[in-house]
Amino acid sequence: QFPHQGNLMDVLWERSALKHVASAHTPTLLMHGENDNDVPIAEAEQYYIALRDVGTDAVMVRYPREGHGIREPHHVVDWIDRSIRWYEKYFPK
């Protein structure tokens, strides 16, 4: 959909995770590069705040100097460690 094809803001809102956050109950781990040019970190921050506001367990991790993908070795290790701990917490054996 393009701006000249109806009300783009309505279309974007319909597709927005924020619109549906009140029904989100799944614990959520957000990990985001601060220099992401594809998905602005502000969008992840808004979603994180909204999740917390509705009582959903959520954690937000910011990686400095990282873009859309996590590349620095110590950030990759942290990303993997956090992911494993998250899954172990919510999907115990």
PDB file of N, CA and C in Angstrom:
ATOM      1  N   GLN A   1       0.849  -1.177   0.000  1.00  0.00           N
ATOM      2  CA  GLN A   1       0.000   0.000   0.000  1.00  0.00           C
ATOM      3  C   GLN A   1       0.889   1.231   0.000  1.00  0.00           C
ATOM      4  N   PHE A   2       0.505   2.198  -0.806  1.00  0.00           N
ATOM      5  CA  PHE A   2       1.246   3.443  -0.929  1.00  0.00           C
ATOM      6  C   PHE A   2       0.382   4.596  -0.435  1.00  0.00           C
ATOM      7  N   PRO A   3       1.005   5.723  -0.071  1.00  0.00           N
ATOM      8  CA  PRO A   3       0.228   6.841   0.475  1.00  0.00           C
ATOM      9  C   PRO A   3      -0.951   7.258  -0.395  1.00  0.00           C
ATOM     10  N   HIS A   4      -0.820   7.134  -1.692  1.00  0.00           N
ATOM     11  CA  HIS A   4      -1.913   7.555  -2.573  1.00  0.00           C
ATOM     12  C   HIS A   4      -3.024   6.507  -2.672  1.00  0.00           C
ATOM     13  N   GLN A   5      -2.863   5.377  -2.019  1.00  0.00           N
ATOM     14  CA  GLN A   5      -3.856   4.300  -2.072  1.00  0.00           C
ATOM     15  C   GLN A   5      -4.623   4.221  -0.753  1.00  0.00           C
ATOM     16  N   GLY A   6      -5.393   5.222  -0.455  1.00  0.00           N
ATOM     17  CA  GLY A   6      -6.170   5.207   0.783  1.00  0.00           C
ATOM     18  C   GLY A   6      -5.375   5.768   1.946  1.00  0.00           C
ATOM     19  N   ASN A   7      -5.822   5.467   3.133  1.00  0.00           N
ATOM     20  CA  ASN A   7      -5.205   6.009   4.331  1.00  0.00           C
ATOM     21  C   ASN A   7      -4.099   5.076   4.825  1.00  0.00           C
ATOM     22  N   LEU A   8      -2.875   5.414   4.495  1.00  0.00           N
ATOM     23  CA  LEU A   8      -1.725   4.577   4.848  1.00  0.00           C
ATOM     24  C   LEU A   8      -1.588   4.407   6.361  1.00  0.00           C
ATOM     25  N   MET A   9      -1.861   5.454   7.117  1.00  0.00           N
ATOM     26  CA  MET A   9      -1.714   5.353   8.568  1.00  0.00           C
ATOM     27  C   MET A   9      -2.672   4.309   9.153  1.00  0.00           C
ATOM     28  N   ASP A  10      -3.871   4.212   8.598  1.00  0.00           N
ATOM     29  CA  ASP A  10      -4.809   3.185   9.064  1.00  0.00           C
ATOM     30  C   ASP A  10      -4.282   1.790   8.760  1.00  0.00           C
ATOM     31  N   VAL A  11      -3.703   1.624   7.579  1.00  0.00           N
ATOM     32  CA  VAL A  11      -3.138   0.328   7.192  1.00  0.00           C
ATOM     33  C   VAL A  11      -1.971  -0.023   8.115  1.00  0.00           C
ATOM     34  N   LEU A  12      -1.097   0.938   8.356  1.00  0.00           N
ATOM     35  CA  LEU A  12       0.053   0.688   9.226  1.00  0.00           C
ATOM     36  C   LEU A  12      -0.394   0.361  10.649  1.00  0.00           C
ATOM     37  N   TRP A  13      -1.404   1.061  11.146  1.00  0.00           N
ATOM     38  CA  TRP A  13      -1.898   0.779  12.496  1.00  0.00           C
ATOM     39  C   TRP A  13      -2.471  -0.629  12.588  1.00  0.00           C
ATOM     40  N   GLU A  14      -3.183  -1.066  11.566  1.00  0.00           N
ATOM     41  CA  GLU A  14      -3.739  -2.422  11.559  1.00  0.00           C
ATOM     42  C   GLU A  14      -2.637  -3.474  11.644  1.00  0.00           C
ATOM     43  N   ARG A  15      -1.471  -3.168  11.103  1.00  0.00           N
ATOM     44  CA  ARG A  15      -0.345  -4.112  11.086  1.00  0.00           C
ATOM     45  C   ARG A  15       0.582  -3.952  12.285  1.00  0.00           C
ATOM     46  N   SER A  16       0.334  -2.966  13.105  1.00  0.00           N
ATOM     47  CA  SER A  16       1.225  -2.643  14.209  1.00  0.00           C
ATOM     48  C   SER A  16       1.056  -3.609  15.379  1.00  0.00           C
ATOM     49  N   ALA A  17       2.178  -4.036  15.929  1.00  0.00           N
ATOM     50  CA  ALA A  17       2.139  -4.875  17.132  1.00  0.00           C
ATOM     51  C   ALA A  17       1.550  -4.102  18.309  1.00  0.00           C
ATOM     52  N   LEU A  18       1.724  -2.786  18.318  1.00  0.00           N
ATOM     53  CA  LEU A  18       1.191  -1.984  19.414  1.00  0.00           C
ATOM     54  C   LEU A  18      -0.332  -2.053  19.492  1.00  0.00           C
ATOM     55  N   LYS A  19      -0.985  -2.191  18.358  1.00  0.00           N
ATOM     56  CA  LYS A  19      -2.447  -2.277  18.348  1.00  0.00           C
ATOM     57  C   LYS A  19      -2.929  -3.506  19.120  1.00  0.00           C
ATOM     58  N   HIS A  20      -2.150  -4.567  19.081  1.00  0.00           N
ATOM     59  CA  HIS A  20      -2.568  -5.844  19.652  1.00  0.00           C
ATOM     60  C   HIS A  20      -1.881  -6.171  20.976  1.00  0.00           C
ATOM     61  N   VAL A  21      -1.140  -5.220  21.530  1.00  0.00           N
ATOM     62  CA  VAL A  21      -0.323  -5.514  22.703  1.00  0.00           C
ATOM     63  C   VAL A  21      -1.165  -5.891  23.925  1.00  0.00           C
ATOM     64  N   ALA A  22      -2.375  -5.408  24.021  1.00  0.00           N
ATOM     65  CA  ALA A  22      -3.209  -5.730  25.186  1.00  0.00           C
ATOM     66  C   ALA A  22      -3.489  -7.223  25.297  1.00  0.00           C
ATOM     67  N   SER A  23      -3.447  -7.929  24.181  1.00  0.00           N
ATOM     68  CA  SER A  23      -3.694  -9.378  24.217  1.00  0.00           C
ATOM     69  C   SER A  23      -2.395 -10.185  24.210  1.00  0.00           C
ATOM     70  N   ALA A  24      -1.259  -9.507  24.333  1.00  0.00           N
ATOM     71  CA  ALA A  24       0.039 -10.192  24.339  1.00  0.00           C
ATOM     72  C   ALA A  24       0.365 -10.642  25.761  1.00  0.00           C
ATOM     73  N   HIS A  25       0.492 -11.940  25.938  1.00  0.00           N
ATOM     74  CA  HIS A  25       0.794 -12.485  27.262  1.00  0.00           C
ATOM     75  C   HIS A  25       2.073 -13.323  27.265  1.00  0.00           C
ATOM     76  N   THR A  26       2.648 -13.535  26.111  1.00  0.00           N
ATOM     77  CA  THR A  26       3.850 -14.351  25.996  1.00  0.00           C
ATOM     78  C   THR A  26       5.061 -13.556  26.475  1.00  0.00           C
ATOM     79  N   PRO A  27       5.851 -14.097  27.404  1.00  0.00           N
ATOM     80  CA  PRO A  27       7.075 -13.419  27.807  1.00  0.00           C
ATOM     81  C   PRO A  27       7.923 -13.108  26.571  1.00  0.00           C
ATOM     82  N   THR A  28       8.456 -11.886  26.541  1.00  0.00           N
ATOM     83  CA  THR A  28       9.115 -11.402  25.331  1.00  0.00           C
ATOM     84  C   THR A  28      10.494 -10.855  25.643  1.00  0.00           C
ATOM     85  N   LEU A  29      11.488 -11.334  24.908  1.00  0.00           N
ATOM     86  CA  LEU A  29      12.862 -10.853  25.005  1.00  0.00           C
ATOM     87  C   LEU A  29      13.162 -10.069  23.737  1.00  0.00           C
ATOM     88  N   LEU A  30      13.398  -8.768  23.889  1.00  0.00           N
ATOM     89  CA  LEU A  30      13.729  -7.904  22.760  1.00  0.00           C
ATOM     90  C   LEU A  30      15.215  -7.579  22.822  1.00  0.00           C
ATOM     91  N   MET A  31      15.938  -7.858  21.755  1.00  0.00           N
ATOM     92  CA  MET A  31      17.363  -7.535  21.681  1.00  0.00           C
ATOM     93  C   MET A  31      17.569  -6.736  20.404  1.00  0.00           C
ATOM     94  N   HIS A  32      18.141  -5.537  20.556  1.00  0.00           N
ATOM     95  CA  HIS A  32      18.138  -4.604  19.438  1.00  0.00           C
ATOM     96  C   HIS A  32      19.455  -3.838  19.357  1.00  0.00           C
ATOM     97  N   GLY A  33      19.949  -3.672  18.141  1.00  0.00           N
ATOM     98  CA  GLY A  33      21.117  -2.832  17.912  1.00  0.00           C
ATOM     99  C   GLY A  33      20.727  -1.365  17.947  1.00  0.00           C
ATOM    100  N   GLU A  34      21.517  -0.554  18.638  1.00  0.00           N
ATOM    101  CA  GLU A  34      21.197   0.867  18.753  1.00  0.00           C
ATOM    102  C   GLU A  34      21.313   1.610  17.429  1.00  0.00           C
ATOM    103  N   ASN A  35      22.072   1.076  16.491  1.00  0.00           N
ATOM    104  CA  ASN A  35      22.263   1.735  15.197  1.00  0.00           C
ATOM    105  C   ASN A  35      21.512   1.035  14.070  1.00  0.00           C
ATOM    106  N   ASP A  36      20.429   0.376  14.387  1.00  0.00           N
ATOM    107  CA  ASP A  36      19.639  -0.342  13.386  1.00  0.00           C
ATOM    108  C   ASP A  36      18.951   0.664  12.464  1.00  0.00           C
ATOM    109  N   ASN A  37      19.310   0.644  11.190  1.00  0.00           N
ATOM    110  CA  ASN A  37      18.701   1.536  10.204  1.00  0.00           C
ATOM    111  C   ASN A  37      17.476   0.914   9.548  1.00  0.00           C
ATOM    112  N   ASP A  38      17.253  -0.379   9.746  1.00  0.00           N
ATOM    113  CA  ASP A  38      16.094  -1.051   9.148  1.00  0.00           C
ATOM    114  C   ASP A  38      14.864  -0.946  10.045  1.00  0.00           C
ATOM    115  N   VAL A  39      15.064  -1.173  11.328  1.00  0.00           N
ATOM    116  CA  VAL A  39      13.974  -1.073  12.306  1.00  0.00           C
ATOM    117  C   VAL A  39      14.471  -0.151  13.421  1.00  0.00           C
ATOM    118  N   PRO A  40      13.964   1.058  13.486  1.00  0.00           N
ATOM    119  CA  PRO A  40      14.440   1.988  14.513  1.00  0.00           C
ATOM    120  C   PRO A  40      14.247   1.416  15.919  1.00  0.00           C
ATOM    121  N   ILE A  41      15.247   1.618  16.756  1.00  0.00           N
ATOM    122  CA  ILE A  41      15.184   1.086  18.116  1.00  0.00           C
ATOM    123  C   ILE A  41      14.011   1.677  18.891  1.00  0.00           C
ATOM    124  N   ALA A  42      13.577   2.856  18.515  1.00  0.00           N
ATOM    125  CA  ALA A  42      12.426   3.473  19.188  1.00  0.00           C
ATOM    126  C   ALA A  42      11.181   2.596  19.079  1.00  0.00           C
ATOM    127  N   GLU A  43      11.036   1.868  17.980  1.00  0.00           N
ATOM    128  CA  GLU A  43       9.883   0.975  17.829  1.00  0.00           C
ATOM    129  C   GLU A  43       9.945  -0.170  18.836  1.00  0.00           C
ATOM    130  N   ALA A  44      11.135  -0.728  19.026  1.00  0.00           N
ATOM    131  CA  ALA A  44      11.294  -1.798  20.015  1.00  0.00           C
ATOM    132  C   ALA A  44      11.064  -1.259  21.424  1.00  0.00           C
ATOM    133  N   GLU A  45      11.548  -0.048  21.686  1.00  0.00           N
ATOM    134  CA  GLU A  45      11.358   0.553  23.003  1.00  0.00           C
ATOM    135  C   GLU A  45       9.876   0.793  23.290  1.00  0.00           C
ATOM    136  N   GLN A  46       9.141   1.280  22.298  1.00  0.00           N
ATOM    137  CA  GLN A  46       7.699   1.502  22.476  1.00  0.00           C
ATOM    138  C   GLN A  46       6.985   0.185  22.763  1.00  0.00           C
ATOM    139  N   TYR A  47       7.357  -0.848  22.034  1.00  0.00           N
ATOM    140  CA  TYR A  47       6.722  -2.149  22.236  1.00  0.00           C
ATOM    141  C   TYR A  47       7.058  -2.698  23.622  1.00  0.00           C
ATOM    142  N   TYR A  48       8.307  -2.557  24.032  1.00  0.00           N
ATOM    143  CA  TYR A  48       8.730  -3.010  25.359  1.00  0.00           C
ATOM    144  C   TYR A  48       7.916  -2.313  26.455  1.00  0.00           C
ATOM    145  N   ILE A  49       7.804  -0.999  26.366  1.00  0.00           N
ATOM    146  CA  ILE A  49       7.047  -0.234  27.362  1.00  0.00           C
ATOM    147  C   ILE A  49       5.585  -0.671  27.369  1.00  0.00           C
ATOM    148  N   ALA A  50       5.015  -0.856  26.189  1.00  0.00           N
ATOM    149  CA  ALA A  50       3.615  -1.283  26.091  1.00  0.00           C
ATOM    150  C   ALA A  50       3.422  -2.668  26.702  1.00  0.00           C
ATOM    151  N   LEU A  51       4.350  -3.582  26.444  1.00  0.00           N
ATOM    152  CA  LEU A  51       4.260  -4.920  27.034  1.00  0.00           C
ATOM    153  C   LEU A  51       4.280  -4.839  28.555  1.00  0.00           C
ATOM    154  N   ARG A  52       5.183  -4.050  29.079  1.00  0.00           N
ATOM    155  CA  ARG A  52       5.286  -3.902  30.538  1.00  0.00           C
ATOM    156  C   ARG A  52       4.020  -3.264  31.108  1.00  0.00           C
ATOM    157  N   ASP A  53       3.474  -2.296  30.379  1.00  0.00           N
ATOM    158  CA  ASP A  53       2.261  -1.613  30.839  1.00  0.00           C
ATOM    159  C   ASP A  53       1.070  -2.553  30.964  1.00  0.00           C
ATOM    160  N   VAL A  54       1.017  -3.579  30.112  1.00  0.00           N
ATOM    161  CA  VAL A  54      -0.108  -4.527  30.188  1.00  0.00           C
ATOM    162  C   VAL A  54       0.227  -5.739  31.056  1.00  0.00           C
ATOM    163  N   GLY A  55       1.402  -5.712  31.708  1.00  0.00           N
ATOM    164  CA  GLY A  55       1.760  -6.767  32.650  1.00  0.00           C
ATOM    165  C   GLY A  55       2.457  -7.975  32.057  1.00  0.00           C
ATOM    166  N   THR A  56       2.888  -7.874  30.819  1.00  0.00           N
ATOM    167  CA  THR A  56       3.605  -8.983  30.188  1.00  0.00           C
ATOM    168  C   THR A  56       5.071  -8.936  30.597  1.00  0.00           C
ATOM    169  N   ASP A  57       5.634 -10.081  30.954  1.00  0.00           N
ATOM    170  CA  ASP A  57       7.046 -10.163  31.299  1.00  0.00           C
ATOM    171  C   ASP A  57       7.858  -9.864  30.046  1.00  0.00           C
ATOM    172  N   ALA A  58       8.646  -8.805  30.098  1.00  0.00           N
ATOM    173  CA  ALA A  58       9.438  -8.404  28.937  1.00  0.00           C
ATOM    174  C   ALA A  58      10.781  -7.851  29.392  1.00  0.00           C
ATOM    175  N   VAL A  59      11.791  -8.121  28.582  1.00  0.00           N
ATOM    176  CA  VAL A  59      13.140  -7.608  28.816  1.00  0.00           C
ATOM    177  C   VAL A  59      13.620  -6.993  27.515  1.00  0.00           C
ATOM    178  N   MET A  60      14.259  -5.832  27.631  1.00  0.00           N
ATOM    179  CA  MET A  60      14.816  -5.158  26.454  1.00  0.00           C
ATOM    180  C   MET A  60      16.317  -5.029  26.645  1.00  0.00           C
ATOM    181  N   VAL A  61      17.070  -5.494  25.662  1.00  0.00           N
ATOM    182  CA  VAL A  61      18.529  -5.399  25.681  1.00  0.00           C
ATOM    183  C   VAL A  61      18.946  -4.551  24.489  1.00  0.00           C
ATOM    184  N   ARG A  62      19.753  -3.534  24.759  1.00  0.00           N
ATOM    185  CA  ARG A  62      20.260  -2.645  23.703  1.00  0.00           C
ATOM    186  C   ARG A  62      21.737  -2.962  23.477  1.00  0.00           C
ATOM    187  N   TYR A  63      22.111  -3.086  22.218  1.00  0.00           N
ATOM    188  CA  TYR A  63      23.513  -3.336  21.880  1.00  0.00           C
ATOM    189  C   TYR A  63      24.092  -2.108  21.191  1.00  0.00           C
ATOM    190  N   PRO A  64      25.030  -1.418  21.878  1.00  0.00           N
ATOM    191  CA  PRO A  64      25.638  -0.232  21.270  1.00  0.00           C
ATOM    192  C   PRO A  64      26.456  -0.600  20.028  1.00  0.00           C
ATOM    193  N   ARG A  65      26.477   0.303  19.092  1.00  0.00           N
ATOM    194  CA  ARG A  65      27.256   0.196  17.840  1.00  0.00           C
ATOM    195  C   ARG A  65      26.720  -0.866  16.886  1.00  0.00           C
ATOM    196  N   GLU A  66      25.690  -1.591  17.255  1.00  0.00           N
ATOM    197  CA  GLU A  66      25.168  -2.658  16.398  1.00  0.00           C
ATOM    198  C   GLU A  66      24.044  -2.132  15.513  1.00  0.00           C
ATOM    199  N   GLY A  67      23.957  -2.718  14.321  1.00  0.00           N
ATOM    200  CA  GLY A  67      22.895  -2.381  13.388  1.00  0.00           C
ATOM    201  C   GLY A  67      21.777  -3.398  13.464  1.00  0.00           C
ATOM    202  N   HIS A  68      21.272  -3.801  12.289  1.00  0.00           N
ATOM    203  CA  HIS A  68      20.147  -4.733  12.243  1.00  0.00           C
ATOM    204  C   HIS A  68      20.556  -6.143  12.665  1.00  0.00           C
ATOM    205  N   GLY A  69      21.807  -6.474  12.496  1.00  0.00           N
ATOM    206  CA  GLY A  69      22.325  -7.763  12.947  1.00  0.00           C
ATOM    207  C   GLY A  69      23.382  -7.539  14.012  1.00  0.00           C
ATOM    208  N   ILE A  70      23.508  -8.475  14.926  1.00  0.00           N
ATOM    209  CA  ILE A  70      24.507  -8.371  15.990  1.00  0.00           C
ATOM    210  C   ILE A  70      25.802  -8.973  15.468  1.00  0.00           C
ATOM    211  N   ARG A  71      26.885  -8.194  15.488  1.00  0.00           N
ATOM    212  CA  ARG A  71      28.133  -8.617  14.857  1.00  0.00           C
ATOM    213  C   ARG A  71      29.337  -8.705  15.807  1.00  0.00           C
ATOM    214  N   GLU A  72      29.424  -7.774  16.759  1.00  0.00           N
ATOM    215  CA  GLU A  72      30.600  -7.764  17.635  1.00  0.00           C
ATOM    216  C   GLU A  72      30.618  -9.056  18.454  1.00  0.00           C
ATOM    217  N   PRO A  73      31.787  -9.724  18.499  1.00  0.00           N
ATOM    218  CA  PRO A  73      31.850 -11.039  19.151  1.00  0.00           C
ATOM    219  C   PRO A  73      31.293 -11.071  20.574  1.00  0.00           C
ATOM    220  N   HIS A  74      31.635 -10.087  21.402  1.00  0.00           N
ATOM    221  CA  HIS A  74      31.132 -10.129  22.784  1.00  0.00           C
ATOM    222  C   HIS A  74      29.621  -9.888  22.837  1.00  0.00           C
ATOM    223  N   HIS A  75      29.078  -9.166  21.862  1.00  0.00           N
ATOM    224  CA  HIS A  75      27.623  -8.998  21.798  1.00  0.00           C
ATOM    225  C   HIS A  75      26.952 -10.292  21.332  1.00  0.00           C
ATOM    226  N   VAL A  76      27.593 -10.977  20.400  1.00  0.00           N
ATOM    227  CA  VAL A  76      27.044 -12.256  19.925  1.00  0.00           C
ATOM    228  C   VAL A  76      26.983 -13.252  21.079  1.00  0.00           C
ATOM    229  N   VAL A  77      28.055 -13.321  21.862  1.00  0.00           N
ATOM    230  CA  VAL A  77      28.085 -14.230  23.017  1.00  0.00           C
ATOM    231  C   VAL A  77      26.981 -13.854  24.003  1.00  0.00           C
ATOM    232  N   ASP A  78      26.837 -12.560  24.271  1.00  0.00           N
ATOM    233  CA  ASP A  78      25.789 -12.107  25.182  1.00  0.00           C
ATOM    234  C   ASP A  78      24.408 -12.464  24.640  1.00  0.00           C
ATOM    235  N   TRP A  79      24.198 -12.245  23.352  1.00  0.00           N
ATOM    236  CA  TRP A  79      22.915 -12.549  22.703  1.00  0.00           C
ATOM    237  C   TRP A  79      22.577 -14.032  22.853  1.00  0.00           C
ATOM    238  N   ILE A  80      23.561 -14.883  22.605  1.00  0.00           N
ATOM    239  CA  ILE A  80      23.351 -16.333  22.728  1.00  0.00           C
ATOM    240  C   ILE A  80      23.079 -16.716  24.178  1.00  0.00           C
ATOM    241  N   ASP A  81      23.900 -16.205  25.109  1.00  0.00           N
ATOM    242  CA  ASP A  81      23.714 -16.528  26.529  1.00  0.00           C
ATOM    243  C   ASP A  81      22.338 -16.095  27.034  1.00  0.00           C
ATOM    244  N   ARG A  82      21.938 -14.873  26.687  1.00  0.00           N
ATOM    245  CA  ARG A  82      20.626 -14.382  27.124  1.00  0.00           C
ATOM    246  C   ARG A  82      19.499 -15.221  26.530  1.00  0.00           C
ATOM    247  N   SER A  83      19.644 -15.578  25.262  1.00  0.00           N
ATOM    248  CA  SER A  83      18.612 -16.390  24.599  1.00  0.00           C
ATOM    249  C   SER A  83      18.468 -17.738  25.283  1.00  0.00           C
ATOM    250  N   ILE A  84      19.589 -18.371  25.570  1.00  0.00           N
ATOM    251  CA  ILE A  84      19.556 -19.681  26.228  1.00  0.00           C
ATOM    252  C   ILE A  84      18.918 -19.568  27.610  1.00  0.00           C
ATOM    253  N   ARG A  85      19.335 -18.562  28.399  1.00  0.00           N
ATOM    254  CA  ARG A  85      18.756 -18.380  29.737  1.00  0.00           C
ATOM    255  C   ARG A  85      17.252 -18.106  29.658  1.00  0.00           C
ATOM    256  N   TRP A  86      16.842 -17.346  28.663  1.00  0.00           N
ATOM    257  CA  TRP A  86      15.417 -17.036  28.490  1.00  0.00           C
ATOM    258  C   TRP A  86      14.626 -18.315  28.217  1.00  0.00           C
ATOM    259  N   TYR A  87      15.122 -19.117  27.287  1.00  0.00           N
ATOM    260  CA  TYR A  87      14.427 -20.370  26.969  1.00  0.00           C
ATOM    261  C   TYR A  87      14.439 -21.335  28.149  1.00  0.00           C
ATOM    262  N   GLU A  88      15.547 -21.392  28.878  1.00  0.00           N
ATOM    263  CA  GLU A  88      15.597 -22.269  30.052  1.00  0.00           C
ATOM    264  C   GLU A  88      14.607 -21.814  31.124  1.00  0.00           C
ATOM    265  N   LYS A  89      14.419 -20.511  31.246  1.00  0.00           N
ATOM    266  CA  LYS A  89      13.489 -19.977  32.240  1.00  0.00           C
ATOM    267  C   LYS A  89      12.042 -20.299  31.874  1.00  0.00           C
ATOM    268  N   TYR A  90      11.690 -20.129  30.608  1.00  0.00           N
ATOM    269  CA  TYR A  90      10.289 -20.270  30.206  1.00  0.00           C
ATOM    270  C   TYR A  90       9.939 -21.631  29.616  1.00  0.00           C
ATOM    271  N   PHE A  91      10.952 -22.416  29.306  1.00  0.00           N
ATOM    272  CA  PHE A  91      10.731 -23.772  28.795  1.00  0.00           C
ATOM    273  C   PHE A  91      11.628 -24.749  29.543  1.00  0.00           C
ATOM    274  N   PRO A  92      11.433 -24.869  30.855  1.00  0.00           N
ATOM    275  CA  PRO A  92      12.311 -25.759  31.628  1.00  0.00           C
ATOM    276  C   PRO A  92      12.106 -27.214  31.227  1.00  0.00           C
ATOM    277  N   LYS A  93      13.147 -27.988  31.482  1.00  0.00           N
ATOM    278  CA  LYS A  93      13.086 -29.420  31.141  1.00  0.00           C
ATOM    279  C   LYS A  93      12.127 -30.146  32.046  1.00  0.00           C
TER     280      LYS A  93
END
